[in-house]
Amino acid sequence: MIALKNLHKSYVTGQNSLHVLKGISLEIEKGEMVSIMGASGSGKSTLLNVVGILDNYDSGEYYLDGMLIRDINETKAARLRNHMIGFVFQSFNLISFKNAMEKPEKKERDRHGVPRQDGA
């Protein structure tokens, strides 16, 4: 469902360039849960921003469900994020009264307008 092939991303400020993603290749299948871990400054947030279609990449290829993700307008990016990508963050953006399994379930129910069995 998600395929990255030789993905590169740099940030340029003035005459300086910081090469953050250096030839990242990976595949994530539908329904697979993935954890991204690494040292501070290793490119985790940059990778998530690219995969979440919040930021562009410089070179390589990113396929989401077989579609090349490149220079997509914000409306289409938002639609793809809503229907195809989900993130559970480690320490923020969490619903305080839900556990780790209930959060993605709530997102799915909300997206499809399905109420909980217990009425909550």
PDB file of N, CA and C in Angstrom:
ATOM      1  N   MET A   1       0.815  -1.189   0.000  1.00  0.00           N
ATOM      2  CA  MET A   1       0.000   0.000   0.000  1.00  0.00           C
ATOM      3  C   MET A   1       0.864   1.260   0.000  1.00  0.00           C
ATOM      4  N   ILE A   2       1.944   1.276   0.801  1.00  0.00           N
ATOM      5  CA  ILE A   2       2.900   2.385   0.781  1.00  0.00           C
ATOM      6  C   ILE A   2       4.232   1.827   0.305  1.00  0.00           C
ATOM      7  N   ALA A   3       4.770   2.432  -0.729  1.00  0.00           N
ATOM      8  CA  ALA A   3       6.076   2.020  -1.245  1.00  0.00           C
ATOM      9  C   ALA A   3       6.929   3.260  -1.457  1.00  0.00           C
ATOM     10  N   LEU A   4       8.071   3.281  -0.807  1.00  0.00           N
ATOM     11  CA  LEU A   4       9.053   4.348  -0.996  1.00  0.00           C
ATOM     12  C   LEU A   4      10.254   3.737  -1.688  1.00  0.00           C
ATOM     13  N   LYS A   5      10.727   4.403  -2.725  1.00  0.00           N
ATOM     14  CA  LYS A   5      11.871   3.899  -3.483  1.00  0.00           C
ATOM     15  C   LYS A   5      12.922   4.993  -3.607  1.00  0.00           C
ATOM     16  N   ASN A   6      14.034   4.794  -2.931  1.00  0.00           N
ATOM     17  CA  ASN A   6      15.187   5.688  -3.019  1.00  0.00           C
ATOM     18  C   ASN A   6      14.794   7.147  -2.765  1.00  0.00           C
ATOM     19  N   LEU A   7      14.037   7.372  -1.690  1.00  0.00           N
ATOM     20  CA  LEU A   7      13.506   8.698  -1.371  1.00  0.00           C
ATOM     21  C   LEU A   7      14.584   9.584  -0.751  1.00  0.00           C
ATOM     22  N   HIS A   8      14.657  10.819  -1.231  1.00  0.00           N
ATOM     23  CA  HIS A   8      15.605  11.804  -0.713  1.00  0.00           C
ATOM     24  C   HIS A   8      14.861  13.088  -0.386  1.00  0.00           C
ATOM     25  N   LYS A   9      15.296  13.741   0.691  1.00  0.00           N
ATOM     26  CA  LYS A   9      14.726  15.029   1.091  1.00  0.00           C
ATOM     27  C   LYS A   9      15.812  15.845   1.770  1.00  0.00           C
ATOM     28  N   SER A  10      15.979  17.082   1.314  1.00  0.00           N
ATOM     29  CA  SER A  10      16.938  18.008   1.911  1.00  0.00           C
ATOM     30  C   SER A  10      16.238  19.301   2.269  1.00  0.00           C
ATOM     31  N   TYR A  11      16.763  19.974   3.265  1.00  0.00           N
ATOM     32  CA  TYR A  11      16.297  21.306   3.626  1.00  0.00           C
ATOM     33  C   TYR A  11      17.418  22.277   3.318  1.00  0.00           C
ATOM     34  N   VAL A  12      17.100  23.362   2.624  1.00  0.00           N
ATOM     35  CA  VAL A  12      18.100  24.351   2.233  1.00  0.00           C
ATOM     36  C   VAL A  12      17.788  25.655   2.946  1.00  0.00           C
ATOM     37  N   THR A  13      18.796  26.185   3.623  1.00  0.00           N
ATOM     38  CA  THR A  13      18.696  27.509   4.239  1.00  0.00           C
ATOM     39  C   THR A  13      19.926  28.292   3.804  1.00  0.00           C
ATOM     40  N   GLY A  14      19.685  29.336   3.037  1.00  0.00           N
ATOM     41  CA  GLY A  14      20.809  30.109   2.508  1.00  0.00           C
ATOM     42  C   GLY A  14      21.668  29.243   1.603  1.00  0.00           C
ATOM     43  N   GLN A  15      22.941  29.163   1.920  1.00  0.00           N
ATOM     44  CA  GLN A  15      23.858  28.341   1.133  1.00  0.00           C
ATOM     45  C   GLN A  15      24.076  26.966   1.745  1.00  0.00           C
ATOM     46  N   ASN A  16      23.407  26.679   2.853  1.00  0.00           N
ATOM     47  CA  ASN A  16      23.559  25.393   3.523  1.00  0.00           C
ATOM     48  C   ASN A  16      22.435  24.440   3.132  1.00  0.00           C
ATOM     49  N   SER A  17      22.791  23.176   2.998  1.00  0.00           N
ATOM     50  CA  SER A  17      21.812  22.140   2.688  1.00  0.00           C
ATOM     51  C   SER A  17      21.983  21.000   3.685  1.00  0.00           C
ATOM     52  N   LEU A  18      20.861  20.562   4.263  1.00  0.00           N
ATOM     53  CA  LEU A  18      20.873  19.440   5.198  1.00  0.00           C
ATOM     54  C   LEU A  18      20.118  18.288   4.556  1.00  0.00           C
ATOM     55  N   HIS A  19      20.843  17.236   4.190  1.00  0.00           N
ATOM     56  CA  HIS A  19      20.260  16.061   3.528  1.00  0.00           C
ATOM     57  C   HIS A  19      19.713  15.141   4.624  1.00  0.00           C
ATOM     58  N   VAL A  20      18.383  15.125   4.787  1.00  0.00           N
ATOM     59  CA  VAL A  20      17.741  14.451   5.911  1.00  0.00           C
ATOM     60  C   VAL A  20      17.358  13.015   5.571  1.00  0.00           C
ATOM     61  N   LEU A  21      16.672  12.811   4.457  1.00  0.00           N
ATOM     62  CA  LEU A  21      16.315  11.452   4.020  1.00  0.00           C
ATOM     63  C   LEU A  21      17.266  11.067   2.888  1.00  0.00           C
ATOM     64  N   LYS A  22      17.985   9.988   3.096  1.00  0.00           N
ATOM     65  CA  LYS A  22      19.054   9.601   2.169  1.00  0.00           C
ATOM     66  C   LYS A  22      18.785   8.232   1.572  1.00  0.00           C
ATOM     67  N   GLY A  23      17.992   8.199   0.523  1.00  0.00           N
ATOM     68  CA  GLY A  23      17.759   6.948  -0.191  1.00  0.00           C
ATOM     69  C   GLY A  23      16.895   5.957   0.563  1.00  0.00           C
ATOM     70  N   ILE A  24      15.826   6.425   1.198  1.00  0.00           N
ATOM     71  CA  ILE A  24      14.936   5.554   1.973  1.00  0.00           C
ATOM     72  C   ILE A  24      14.085   4.703   1.034  1.00  0.00           C
ATOM     73  N   SER A  25      14.100   3.399   1.248  1.00  0.00           N
ATOM     74  CA  SER A  25      13.231   2.475   0.506  1.00  0.00           C
ATOM     75  C   SER A  25      12.536   1.574   1.515  1.00  0.00           C
ATOM     76  N   LEU A  26      11.216   1.438   1.378  1.00  0.00           N
ATOM     77  CA  LEU A  26      10.466   0.540   2.251  1.00  0.00           C
ATOM     78  C   LEU A  26       9.105   0.267   1.639  1.00  0.00           C
ATOM     79  N   GLU A  27       8.482  -0.803   2.111  1.00  0.00           N
ATOM     80  CA  GLU A  27       7.120  -1.137   1.711  1.00  0.00           C
ATOM     81  C   GLU A  27       6.308  -1.440   2.963  1.00  0.00           C
ATOM     82  N   ILE A  28       5.105  -0.895   3.012  1.00  0.00           N
ATOM     83  CA  ILE A  28       4.176  -1.143   4.108  1.00  0.00           C
ATOM     84  C   ILE A  28       2.883  -1.646   3.474  1.00  0.00           C
ATOM     85  N   GLU A  29       2.465  -2.832   3.873  1.00  0.00           N
ATOM     86  CA  GLU A  29       1.263  -3.437   3.304  1.00  0.00           C
ATOM     87  C   GLU A  29       0.006  -2.934   4.021  1.00  0.00           C
ATOM     88  N   LYS A  30      -1.128  -3.040   3.363  1.00  0.00           N
ATOM     89  CA  LYS A  30      -2.401  -2.625   3.943  1.00  0.00           C
ATOM     90  C   LYS A  30      -2.636  -3.356   5.263  1.00  0.00           C
ATOM     91  N   GLY A  31      -3.007  -2.611   6.306  1.00  0.00           N
ATOM     92  CA  GLY A  31      -3.287  -3.181   7.614  1.00  0.00           C
ATOM     93  C   GLY A  31      -2.064  -3.383   8.483  1.00  0.00           C
ATOM     94  N   GLU A  32      -0.888  -3.226   7.919  1.00  0.00           N
ATOM     95  CA  GLU A  32       0.352  -3.407   8.684  1.00  0.00           C
ATOM     96  C   GLU A  32       0.580  -2.184   9.570  1.00  0.00           C
ATOM     97  N   MET A  33       1.011  -2.418  10.806  1.00  0.00           N
ATOM     98  CA  MET A  33       1.333  -1.333  11.722  1.00  0.00           C
ATOM     99  C   MET A  33       2.845  -1.225  11.814  1.00  0.00           C
ATOM    100  N   VAL A  34       3.341   0.000  11.734  1.00  0.00           N
ATOM    101  CA  VAL A  34       4.779   0.238  11.678  1.00  0.00           C
ATOM    102  C   VAL A  34       5.158   1.259  12.731  1.00  0.00           C
ATOM    103  N   SER A  35       6.272   1.031  13.381  1.00  0.00           N
ATOM    104  CA  SER A  35       6.827   1.985  14.333  1.00  0.00           C
ATOM    105  C   SER A  35       8.108   2.548  13.733  1.00  0.00           C
ATOM    106  N   ILE A  36       8.279   3.848  13.843  1.00  0.00           N
ATOM    107  CA  ILE A  36       9.496   4.493  13.339  1.00  0.00           C
ATOM    108  C   ILE A  36      10.253   5.020  14.540  1.00  0.00           C
ATOM    109  N   MET A  37      11.473   4.522  14.712  1.00  0.00           N
ATOM    110  CA  MET A  37      12.292   4.908  15.857  1.00  0.00           C
ATOM    111  C   MET A  37      13.664   5.343  15.373  1.00  0.00           C
ATOM    112  N   GLY A  38      14.277   6.231  16.110  1.00  0.00           N
ATOM    113  CA  GLY A  38      15.625   6.659  15.774  1.00  0.00           C
ATOM    114  C   GLY A  38      16.044   7.807  16.664  1.00  0.00           C
ATOM    115  N   ALA A  39      17.295   8.160  16.554  1.00  0.00           N
ATOM    116  CA  ALA A  39      17.857   9.244  17.355  1.00  0.00           C
ATOM    117  C   ALA A  39      17.251  10.582  16.940  1.00  0.00           C
ATOM    118  N   SER A  40      17.322  11.539  17.841  1.00  0.00           N
ATOM    119  CA  SER A  40      16.881  12.889  17.536  1.00  0.00           C
ATOM    120  C   SER A  40      17.630  13.406  16.311  1.00  0.00           C
ATOM    121  N   GLY A  41      16.891  13.972  15.356  1.00  0.00           N
ATOM    122  CA  GLY A  41      17.523  14.516  14.162  1.00  0.00           C
ATOM    123  C   GLY A  41      17.782  13.504  13.070  1.00  0.00           C
ATOM    124  N   SER A  42      17.279  12.278  13.230  1.00  0.00           N
ATOM    125  CA  SER A  42      17.578  11.231  12.236  1.00  0.00           C
ATOM    126  C   SER A  42      16.614  11.228  11.046  1.00  0.00           C
ATOM    127  N   GLY A  43      15.565  12.058  11.080  1.00  0.00           N
ATOM    128  CA  GLY A  43      14.664  12.154   9.939  1.00  0.00           C
ATOM    129  C   GLY A  43      13.302  11.512  10.137  1.00  0.00           C
ATOM    130  N   LYS A  44      12.984  11.099  11.365  1.00  0.00           N
ATOM    131  CA  LYS A  44      11.690  10.444  11.627  1.00  0.00           C
ATOM    132  C   LYS A  44      10.519  11.355  11.277  1.00  0.00           C
ATOM    133  N   SER A  45      10.519  12.568  11.781  1.00  0.00           N
ATOM    134  CA  SER A  45       9.417  13.498  11.522  1.00  0.00           C
ATOM    135  C   SER A  45       9.344  13.859  10.052  1.00  0.00           C
ATOM    136  N   THR A  46      10.476  14.030   9.422  1.00  0.00           N
ATOM    137  CA  THR A  46      10.501  14.331   7.985  1.00  0.00           C
ATOM    138  C   THR A  46       9.889  13.185   7.200  1.00  0.00           C
ATOM    139  N   LEU A  47      10.247  11.958   7.544  1.00  0.00           N
ATOM    140  CA  LEU A  47       9.682  10.793   6.864  1.00  0.00           C
ATOM    141  C   LEU A  47       8.171  10.735   7.057  1.00  0.00           C
ATOM    142  N   LEU A  48       7.697  10.956   8.284  1.00  0.00           N
ATOM    143  CA  LEU A  48       6.256  10.943   8.548  1.00  0.00           C
ATOM    144  C   LEU A  48       5.541  12.060   7.792  1.00  0.00           C
ATOM    145  N   ASN A  49       6.158  13.223   7.693  1.00  0.00           N
ATOM    146  CA  ASN A  49       5.552  14.324   6.943  1.00  0.00           C
ATOM    147  C   ASN A  49       5.431  13.993   5.460  1.00  0.00           C
ATOM    148  N   VAL A  50       6.422  13.317   4.907  1.00  0.00           N
ATOM    149  CA  VAL A  50       6.361  12.917   3.497  1.00  0.00           C
ATOM    150  C   VAL A  50       5.305  11.833   3.314  1.00  0.00           C
ATOM    151  N   VAL A  51       5.334  10.792   4.153  1.00  0.00           N
ATOM    152  CA  VAL A  51       4.360   9.702   4.046  1.00  0.00           C
ATOM    153  C   VAL A  51       2.939  10.210   4.271  1.00  0.00           C
ATOM    154  N   GLY A  52       2.776  11.187   5.166  1.00  0.00           N
ATOM    155  CA  GLY A  52       1.469  11.763   5.448  1.00  0.00           C
ATOM    156  C   GLY A  52       1.040  12.824   4.446  1.00  0.00           C
ATOM    157  N   ILE A  53       1.813  12.999   3.398  1.00  0.00           N
ATOM    158  CA  ILE A  53       1.542  13.959   2.322  1.00  0.00           C
ATOM    159  C   ILE A  53       1.399  15.379   2.881  1.00  0.00           C
ATOM    160  N   LEU A  54       2.226  15.678   3.865  1.00  0.00           N
ATOM    161  CA  LEU A  54       2.281  17.022   4.437  1.00  0.00           C
ATOM    162  C   LEU A  54       3.468  17.798   3.902  1.00  0.00           C
ATOM    163  N   ASP A  55       4.412  17.088   3.282  1.00  0.00           N
ATOM    164  CA  ASP A  55       5.626  17.702   2.743  1.00  0.00           C
ATOM    165  C   ASP A  55       6.026  16.932   1.489  1.00  0.00           C
ATOM    166  N   ASN A  56       6.713  17.609   0.586  1.00  0.00           N
ATOM    167  CA  ASN A  56       7.203  16.962  -0.635  1.00  0.00           C
ATOM    168  C   ASN A  56       8.588  16.387  -0.403  1.00  0.00           C
ATOM    169  N   TYR A  57       9.019  15.551  -1.309  1.00  0.00           N
ATOM    170  CA  TYR A  57      10.366  14.989  -1.286  1.00  0.00           C
ATOM    171  C   TYR A  57      11.101  15.491  -2.516  1.00  0.00           C
ATOM    172  N   ASP A  58      12.435  15.384  -2.491  1.00  0.00           N
ATOM    173  CA  ASP A  58      13.250  15.919  -3.584  1.00  0.00           C
ATOM    174  C   ASP A  58      13.365  14.948  -4.753  1.00  0.00           C
ATOM    175  N   SER A  59      13.637  13.690  -4.452  1.00  0.00           N
ATOM    176  CA  SER A  59      13.791  12.700  -5.520  1.00  0.00           C
ATOM    177  C   SER A  59      13.416  11.331  -4.988  1.00  0.00           C
ATOM    178  N   GLY A  60      13.271  10.388  -5.904  1.00  0.00           N
ATOM    179  CA  GLY A  60      12.815   9.058  -5.571  1.00  0.00           C
ATOM    180  C   GLY A  60      11.344   8.932  -5.928  1.00  0.00           C
ATOM    181  N   GLU A  61      10.692   7.907  -5.390  1.00  0.00           N
ATOM    182  CA  GLU A  61       9.290   7.671  -5.695  1.00  0.00           C
ATOM    183  C   GLU A  61       8.535   7.279  -4.430  1.00  0.00           C
ATOM    184  N   TYR A  62       7.301   7.768  -4.335  1.00  0.00           N
ATOM    185  CA  TYR A  62       6.403   7.416  -3.234  1.00  0.00           C
ATOM    186  C   TYR A  62       5.087   6.994  -3.871  1.00  0.00           C
ATOM    187  N   TYR A  63       4.697   5.733  -3.632  1.00  0.00           N
ATOM    188  CA  TYR A  63       3.438   5.204  -4.136  1.00  0.00           C
ATOM    189  C   TYR A  63       2.510   4.906  -2.968  1.00  0.00           C
ATOM    190  N   LEU A  64       1.279   5.372  -3.066  1.00  0.00           N
ATOM    191  CA  LEU A  64       0.243   5.093  -2.087  1.00  0.00           C
ATOM    192  C   LEU A  64      -0.859   4.347  -2.819  1.00  0.00           C
ATOM    193  N   ASP A  65      -1.038   3.093  -2.462  1.00  0.00           N
ATOM    194  CA  ASP A  65      -2.023   2.236  -3.113  1.00  0.00           C
ATOM    195  C   ASP A  65      -1.841   2.239  -4.636  1.00  0.00           C
ATOM    196  N   GLY A  66      -0.581   2.199  -5.062  1.00  0.00           N
ATOM    197  CA  GLY A  66      -0.244   2.131  -6.488  1.00  0.00           C
ATOM    198  C   GLY A  66      -0.210   3.467  -7.203  1.00  0.00           C
ATOM    199  N   MET A  67      -0.594   4.568  -6.541  1.00  0.00           N
ATOM    200  CA  MET A  67      -0.612   5.886  -7.167  1.00  0.00           C
ATOM    201  C   MET A  67       0.651   6.660  -6.780  1.00  0.00           C
ATOM    202  N   LEU A  68       1.340   7.196  -7.776  1.00  0.00           N
ATOM    203  CA  LEU A  68       2.524   8.009  -7.509  1.00  0.00           C
ATOM    204  C   LEU A  68       2.101   9.294  -6.808  1.00  0.00           C
ATOM    205  N   ILE A  69       2.707   9.535  -5.639  1.00  0.00           N
ATOM    206  CA  ILE A  69       2.412  10.744  -4.862  1.00  0.00           C
ATOM    207  C   ILE A  69       3.516  11.749  -5.153  1.00  0.00           C
ATOM    208  N   ARG A  70       3.176  12.737  -5.934  1.00  0.00           N
ATOM    209  CA  ARG A  70       4.156  13.758  -6.324  1.00  0.00           C
ATOM    210  C   ARG A  70       3.401  15.022  -6.715  1.00  0.00           C
ATOM    211  N   ASP A  71       3.729  16.157  -6.104  1.00  0.00           N
ATOM    212  CA  ASP A  71       3.133  17.450  -6.450  1.00  0.00           C
ATOM    213  C   ASP A  71       1.604  17.405  -6.462  1.00  0.00           C
ATOM    214  N   ILE A  72       1.022  16.845  -5.412  1.00  0.00           N
ATOM    215  CA  ILE A  72      -0.432  16.733  -5.290  1.00  0.00           C
ATOM    216  C   ILE A  72      -0.970  17.985  -4.600  1.00  0.00           C
ATOM    217  N   ASN A  73      -2.103  18.514  -5.094  1.00  0.00           N
ATOM    218  CA  ASN A  73      -2.665  19.708  -4.457  1.00  0.00           C
ATOM    219  C   ASN A  73      -3.191  19.358  -3.067  1.00  0.00           C
ATOM    220  N   GLU A  74      -3.385  20.383  -2.246  1.00  0.00           N
ATOM    221  CA  GLU A  74      -3.748  20.181  -0.832  1.00  0.00           C
ATOM    222  C   GLU A  74      -5.105  19.502  -0.671  1.00  0.00           C
ATOM    223  N   THR A  75      -6.057  19.793  -1.551  1.00  0.00           N
ATOM    224  CA  THR A  75      -7.381  19.163  -1.449  1.00  0.00           C
ATOM    225  C   THR A  75      -7.280  17.655  -1.645  1.00  0.00           C
ATOM    226  N   LYS A  76      -6.550  17.238  -2.671  1.00  0.00           N
ATOM    227  CA  LYS A  76      -6.390  15.806  -2.935  1.00  0.00           C
ATOM    228  C   LYS A  76      -5.558  15.149  -1.835  1.00  0.00           C
ATOM    229  N   ALA A  77      -4.530  15.853  -1.342  1.00  0.00           N
ATOM    230  CA  ALA A  77      -3.701  15.315  -0.258  1.00  0.00           C
ATOM    231  C   ALA A  77      -4.544  15.095   0.992  1.00  0.00           C
ATOM    232  N   ALA A  78      -5.411  16.046   1.326  1.00  0.00           N
ATOM    233  CA  ALA A  78      -6.270  15.914   2.510  1.00  0.00           C
ATOM    234  C   ALA A  78      -7.215  14.732   2.346  1.00  0.00           C
ATOM    235  N   ARG A  79      -7.762  14.544   1.160  1.00  0.00           N
ATOM    236  CA  ARG A  79      -8.676  13.416   0.907  1.00  0.00           C
ATOM    237  C   ARG A  79      -7.938  12.089   1.085  1.00  0.00           C
ATOM    238  N   LEU A  80      -6.734  11.997   0.545  1.00  0.00           N
ATOM    239  CA  LEU A  80      -5.948  10.762   0.684  1.00  0.00           C
ATOM    240  C   LEU A  80      -5.599  10.506   2.148  1.00  0.00           C
ATOM    241  N   ARG A  81      -5.195  11.558   2.877  1.00  0.00           N
ATOM    242  CA  ARG A  81      -4.880  11.401   4.303  1.00  0.00           C
ATOM    243  C   ARG A  81      -6.092  10.888   5.070  1.00  0.00           C
ATOM    244  N   ASN A  82      -7.264  11.453   4.799  1.00  0.00           N
ATOM    245  CA  ASN A  82      -8.485  11.070   5.513  1.00  0.00           C
ATOM    246  C   ASN A  82      -8.878   9.621   5.275  1.00  0.00           C
ATOM    247  N   HIS A  83      -8.658   9.133   4.078  1.00  0.00           N
ATOM    248  CA  HIS A  83      -9.160   7.809   3.717  1.00  0.00           C
ATOM    249  C   HIS A  83      -8.121   6.697   3.713  1.00  0.00           C
ATOM    250  N   MET A  84      -6.825   7.046   3.720  1.00  0.00           N
ATOM    251  CA  MET A  84      -5.837   5.995   3.515  1.00  0.00           C
ATOM    252  C   MET A  84      -4.706   5.944   4.529  1.00  0.00           C
ATOM    253  N   ILE A  85      -4.512   6.988   5.319  1.00  0.00           N
ATOM    254  CA  ILE A  85      -3.348   7.051   6.201  1.00  0.00           C
ATOM    255  C   ILE A  85      -3.805   7.377   7.614  1.00  0.00           C
ATOM    256  N   GLY A  86      -3.230   6.704   8.603  1.00  0.00           N
ATOM    257  CA  GLY A  86      -3.516   7.013   9.995  1.00  0.00           C
ATOM    258  C   GLY A  86      -2.251   6.988  10.828  1.00  0.00           C
ATOM    259  N   PHE A  87      -2.121   7.929  11.731  1.00  0.00           N
ATOM    260  CA  PHE A  87      -0.984   7.997  12.637  1.00  0.00           C
ATOM    261  C   PHE A  87      -1.494   7.948  14.072  1.00  0.00           C
ATOM    262  N   VAL A  88      -0.802   7.247  14.939  1.00  0.00           N
ATOM    263  CA  VAL A  88      -1.019   7.323  16.382  1.00  0.00           C
ATOM    264  C   VAL A  88       0.272   7.861  16.962  1.00  0.00           C
ATOM    265  N   PHE A  89       0.200   9.054  17.552  1.00  0.00           N
ATOM    266  CA  PHE A  89       1.396   9.712  18.053  1.00  0.00           C
ATOM    267  C   PHE A  89       1.729   9.239  19.460  1.00  0.00           C
ATOM    268  N   GLN A  90       3.008   9.278  19.787  1.00  0.00           N
ATOM    269  CA  GLN A  90       3.498   8.744  21.051  1.00  0.00           C
ATOM    270  C   GLN A  90       3.009   9.534  22.252  1.00  0.00           C
ATOM    271  N   SER A  91       3.075  10.868  22.209  1.00  0.00           N
ATOM    272  CA  SER A  91       2.836  11.594  23.453  1.00  0.00           C
ATOM    273  C   SER A  91       1.948  12.822  23.327  1.00  0.00           C
ATOM    274  N   PHE A  92       1.348  13.067  22.176  1.00  0.00           N
ATOM    275  CA  PHE A  92       0.442  14.196  22.059  1.00  0.00           C
ATOM    276  C   PHE A  92      -0.618  13.876  21.018  1.00  0.00           C
ATOM    277  N   ASN A  93      -1.598  14.770  20.912  1.00  0.00           N
ATOM    278  CA  ASN A  93      -2.736  14.570  20.010  1.00  0.00           C
ATOM    279  C   ASN A  93      -3.557  13.338  20.398  1.00  0.00           C
ATOM    280  N   LEU A  94      -3.493  12.920  21.641  1.00  0.00           N
ATOM    281  CA  LEU A  94      -4.217  11.733  22.071  1.00  0.00           C
ATOM    282  C   LEU A  94      -5.501  12.126  22.785  1.00  0.00           C
ATOM    283  N   ILE A  95      -6.480  11.258  22.719  1.00  0.00           N
ATOM    284  CA  ILE A  95      -7.731  11.458  23.433  1.00  0.00           C
ATOM    285  C   ILE A  95      -7.545  10.822  24.804  1.00  0.00           C
ATOM    286  N   SER A  96      -7.617  11.625  25.853  1.00  0.00           N
ATOM    287  CA  SER A  96      -7.202  11.173  27.178  1.00  0.00           C
ATOM    288  C   SER A  96      -8.009   9.992  27.704  1.00  0.00           C
ATOM    289  N   PHE A  97      -9.264   9.833  27.306  1.00  0.00           N
ATOM    290  CA  PHE A  97     -10.075   8.758  27.861  1.00  0.00           C
ATOM    291  C   PHE A  97     -10.106   7.506  26.977  1.00  0.00           C
ATOM    292  N   LYS A  98      -9.240   7.434  25.975  1.00  0.00           N
ATOM    293  CA  LYS A  98      -9.181   6.266  25.093  1.00  0.00           C
ATOM    294  C   LYS A  98      -7.824   5.582  25.250  1.00  0.00           C
ATOM    295  N   ASN A  99      -7.822   4.237  25.111  1.00  0.00           N
ATOM    296  CA  ASN A  99      -6.535   3.543  25.129  1.00  0.00           C
ATOM    297  C   ASN A  99      -5.993   3.445  23.701  1.00  0.00           C
ATOM    298  N   ALA A 100      -4.820   2.853  23.521  1.00  0.00           N
ATOM    299  CA  ALA A 100      -4.149   2.808  22.217  1.00  0.00           C
ATOM    300  C   ALA A 100      -4.948   2.065  21.157  1.00  0.00           C
ATOM    301  N   MET A 101      -5.754   1.083  21.525  1.00  0.00           N
ATOM    302  CA  MET A 101      -6.558   0.345  20.544  1.00  0.00           C
ATOM    303  C   MET A 101      -7.849   1.089  20.197  1.00  0.00           C
ATOM    304  N   GLU A 102      -8.407   1.822  21.156  1.00  0.00           N
ATOM    305  CA  GLU A 102      -9.668   2.522  20.919  1.00  0.00           C
ATOM    306  C   GLU A 102      -9.503   3.749  20.027  1.00  0.00           C
ATOM    307  N   LYS A 103      -8.323   4.366  20.012  1.00  0.00           N
ATOM    308  CA  LYS A 103      -8.114   5.575  19.217  1.00  0.00           C
ATOM    309  C   LYS A 103      -8.293   5.322  17.718  1.00  0.00           C
ATOM    310  N   PRO A 104      -7.603   4.329  17.118  1.00  0.00           N
ATOM    311  CA  PRO A 104      -7.829   4.077  15.681  1.00  0.00           C
ATOM    312  C   PRO A 104      -9.250   3.607  15.390  1.00  0.00           C
ATOM    313  N   GLU A 105      -9.838   2.838  16.331  1.00  0.00           N
ATOM    314  CA  GLU A 105     -11.216   2.385  16.137  1.00  0.00           C
ATOM    315  C   GLU A 105     -12.151   3.579  16.083  1.00  0.00           C
ATOM    316  N   LYS A 106     -11.944   4.570  16.961  1.00  0.00           N
ATOM    317  CA  LYS A 106     -12.783   5.761  16.968  1.00  0.00           C
ATOM    318  C   LYS A 106     -12.645   6.510  15.657  1.00  0.00           C
ATOM    319  N   LYS A 107     -11.428   6.637  15.151  1.00  0.00           N
ATOM    320  CA  LYS A 107     -11.220   7.339  13.874  1.00  0.00           C
ATOM    321  C   LYS A 107     -11.993   6.646  12.765  1.00  0.00           C
ATOM    322  N   GLU A 108     -11.939   5.336  12.705  1.00  0.00           N
ATOM    323  CA  GLU A 108     -12.665   4.572  11.677  1.00  0.00           C
ATOM    324  C   GLU A 108     -14.167   4.769  11.818  1.00  0.00           C
ATOM    325  N   ARG A 109     -14.677   4.684  13.044  1.00  0.00           N
ATOM    326  CA  ARG A 109     -16.117   4.873  13.261  1.00  0.00           C
ATOM    327  C   ARG A 109     -16.536   6.274  12.852  1.00  0.00           C
ATOM    328  N   ASP A 110     -15.749   7.279  13.254  1.00  0.00           N
ATOM    329  CA  ASP A 110     -16.077   8.665  12.924  1.00  0.00           C
ATOM    330  C   ASP A 110     -16.079   8.880  11.414  1.00  0.00           C
ATOM    331  N   ARG A 111     -15.115   8.293  10.741  1.00  0.00           N
ATOM    332  CA  ARG A 111     -14.992   8.470   9.295  1.00  0.00           C
ATOM    333  C   ARG A 111     -16.190   7.872   8.566  1.00  0.00           C
ATOM    334  N   HIS A 112     -16.707   6.759   9.077  1.00  0.00           N
ATOM    335  CA  HIS A 112     -17.817   6.075   8.419  1.00  0.00           C
ATOM    336  C   HIS A 112     -19.164   6.354   9.076  1.00  0.00           C
ATOM    337  N   GLY A 113     -19.186   7.203  10.123  1.00  0.00           N
ATOM    338  CA  GLY A 113     -20.427   7.568  10.778  1.00  0.00           C
ATOM    339  C   GLY A 113     -21.079   6.406  11.515  1.00  0.00           C
ATOM    340  N   VAL A 114     -20.262   5.490  12.060  1.00  0.00           N
ATOM    341  CA  VAL A 114     -20.786   4.320  12.764  1.00  0.00           C
ATOM    342  C   VAL A 114     -20.718   4.573  14.265  1.00  0.00           C
ATOM    343  N   PRO A 115     -21.861   4.521  14.982  1.00  0.00           N
ATOM    344  CA  PRO A 115     -21.821   4.714  16.443  1.00  0.00           C
ATOM    345  C   PRO A 115     -21.244   3.487  17.142  1.00  0.00           C
ATOM    346  N   ARG A 116     -20.732   3.708  18.357  1.00  0.00           N
ATOM    347  CA  ARG A 116     -20.242   2.593  19.169  1.00  0.00           C
ATOM    348  C   ARG A 116     -21.389   1.716  19.595  1.00  0.00           C
ATOM    349  N   GLN A 117     -21.095   0.439  19.840  1.00  0.00           N
ATOM    350  CA  GLN A 117     -22.105  -0.517  20.284  1.00  0.00           C
ATOM    351  C   GLN A 117     -22.717  -0.098  21.622  1.00  0.00           C
ATOM    352  N   ASP A 118     -21.872   0.476  22.532  1.00  0.00           N
ATOM    353  CA  ASP A 118     -22.359   0.829  23.863  1.00  0.00           C
ATOM    354  C   ASP A 118     -22.963   2.232  23.924  1.00  0.00           C
ATOM    355  N   GLY A 119     -23.096   2.882  22.749  1.00  0.00           N
ATOM    356  CA  GLY A 119     -23.714   4.200  22.682  1.00  0.00           C
ATOM    357  C   GLY A 119     -22.792   5.357  22.950  1.00  0.00           C
ATOM    358  N   ALA A 120     -21.526   5.092  23.271  1.00  0.00           N
ATOM    359  CA  ALA A 120     -20.588   6.183  23.562  1.00  0.00           C
ATOM    360  C   ALA A 120     -20.074   6.817  22.291  1.00  0.00           C
TER     361      ALA A 120
END
